[in-house]
Protein backbone atom coordinates (compact mmCIF):
# COMPACT_ATOMS: atom_id res chain seq x y z
CA MET A 1 19.24 150.45 -128.37
CA PRO A 2 22.91 149.86 -127.44
CA VAL A 3 25.57 152.36 -128.45
CA LEU A 4 29.00 151.37 -129.73
CA THR A 5 31.99 153.71 -129.64
CA ILE A 6 35.04 152.94 -131.75
CA ARG A 7 38.24 154.65 -130.65
CA ASN A 8 41.58 155.00 -132.42
CA LEU A 9 40.21 154.36 -135.90
CA ASP A 10 42.88 155.42 -138.37
CA GLU A 11 42.04 158.18 -140.86
CA THR A 12 42.44 155.93 -143.91
CA THR A 13 39.84 153.49 -142.61
CA GLN A 14 37.46 156.29 -141.72
CA ARG A 15 37.88 157.91 -145.12
CA THR A 16 37.32 154.55 -146.87
CA LEU A 17 34.15 153.97 -144.86
CA LYS A 18 32.88 157.46 -145.69
CA HIS A 19 33.44 156.84 -149.42
CA ARG A 20 31.68 153.49 -149.17
CA ALA A 21 28.76 155.15 -147.38
CA VAL A 22 28.47 157.79 -150.10
CA ASP A 23 28.58 155.09 -152.80
CA ASN A 24 25.68 153.31 -151.06
CA ASN A 25 23.69 156.50 -150.37
CA ARG A 26 23.97 156.04 -146.59
CA SER A 27 25.35 157.97 -143.67
CA LEU A 28 28.64 156.79 -142.18
CA GLU A 29 26.78 155.47 -139.16
CA ALA A 30 24.28 153.54 -141.30
CA GLU A 31 27.09 152.09 -143.44
CA VAL A 32 29.03 150.86 -140.39
CA ARG A 33 25.81 149.41 -138.96
CA VAL A 34 25.20 147.42 -142.18
CA ILE A 35 28.81 146.17 -142.21
CA LEU A 36 28.59 145.01 -138.57
CA GLN A 37 25.19 143.34 -139.07
CA GLU A 38 26.43 141.43 -142.13
CA ALA A 39 29.61 140.36 -140.34
CA ALA A 40 27.71 139.16 -137.28
CA ARG A 41 25.11 137.29 -139.32
CA THR A 42 27.71 135.62 -141.56
CA SER A 43 30.07 134.53 -138.80
CA GLN A 44 27.31 133.12 -136.57
CA VAL A 45 25.86 130.98 -139.33
CA THR A 46 29.26 129.79 -140.56
CA HIS A 47 30.57 128.81 -137.12
CA ALA A 48 27.29 127.27 -136.02
CA ASP A 49 27.02 125.20 -139.18
CA ALA A 50 30.58 123.93 -138.76
CA LEU A 51 29.92 123.04 -135.12
CA PHE A 52 26.71 121.14 -135.87
CA THR A 53 28.34 119.31 -138.77
CA ALA A 54 31.25 118.25 -136.56
CA ALA A 55 28.88 117.17 -133.77
CA ALA A 56 26.84 115.07 -136.20
CA ALA A 57 30.01 113.42 -137.54
CA PHE A 58 31.18 112.69 -133.99
CA ARG A 59 27.80 111.22 -133.07
CA GLU A 60 27.88 109.00 -136.17
CA ALA A 61 31.44 107.84 -135.45
CA ALA A 62 30.59 107.07 -131.82
CA ARG A 63 27.44 105.11 -132.73
CA ASP A 64 29.17 101.72 -133.13
CA THR A 65 31.64 102.08 -130.25
CA GLY A 66 29.20 101.36 -127.44
CA PHE A 67 29.71 104.89 -126.16
CA LEU A 68 26.23 106.26 -125.51
CA LEU A 69 25.54 109.88 -126.33
CA PRO A 70 22.35 111.56 -125.17
CA GLU A 71 20.03 112.78 -127.87
CA ARG A 72 20.21 116.50 -128.51
CA VAL A 73 17.31 118.43 -127.07
CA SER A 74 16.25 121.36 -129.19
CA VAL A 75 16.41 124.64 -127.30
CA GLU A 76 15.54 128.16 -128.30
CA PRO A 77 18.55 130.31 -129.15
CA ARG A 78 19.29 132.93 -126.53
CA GLU A 79 20.84 136.35 -126.59
CA VAL A 80 24.57 136.09 -125.89
CA PHE A 81 24.97 139.68 -124.73
CA ALA A 82 22.17 141.41 -122.91
């Protein structure tokens, strides 16, 4: 499993994260892991949804212009960072 090191984290942020971890009955490491997983999951869905919505709107607008767009081929999502 990959390891992430965070340098130069100010004391206030670290203290706040420790308090949040205690409130959630987790270690600091587990709390930060949950925060990062939620942030990654939320941002990917939000940006992807916006992109697909914009692409669909563009395809609909281009339909009557004579400009031919290829049909989208469904592909399996791939890991961005390996």
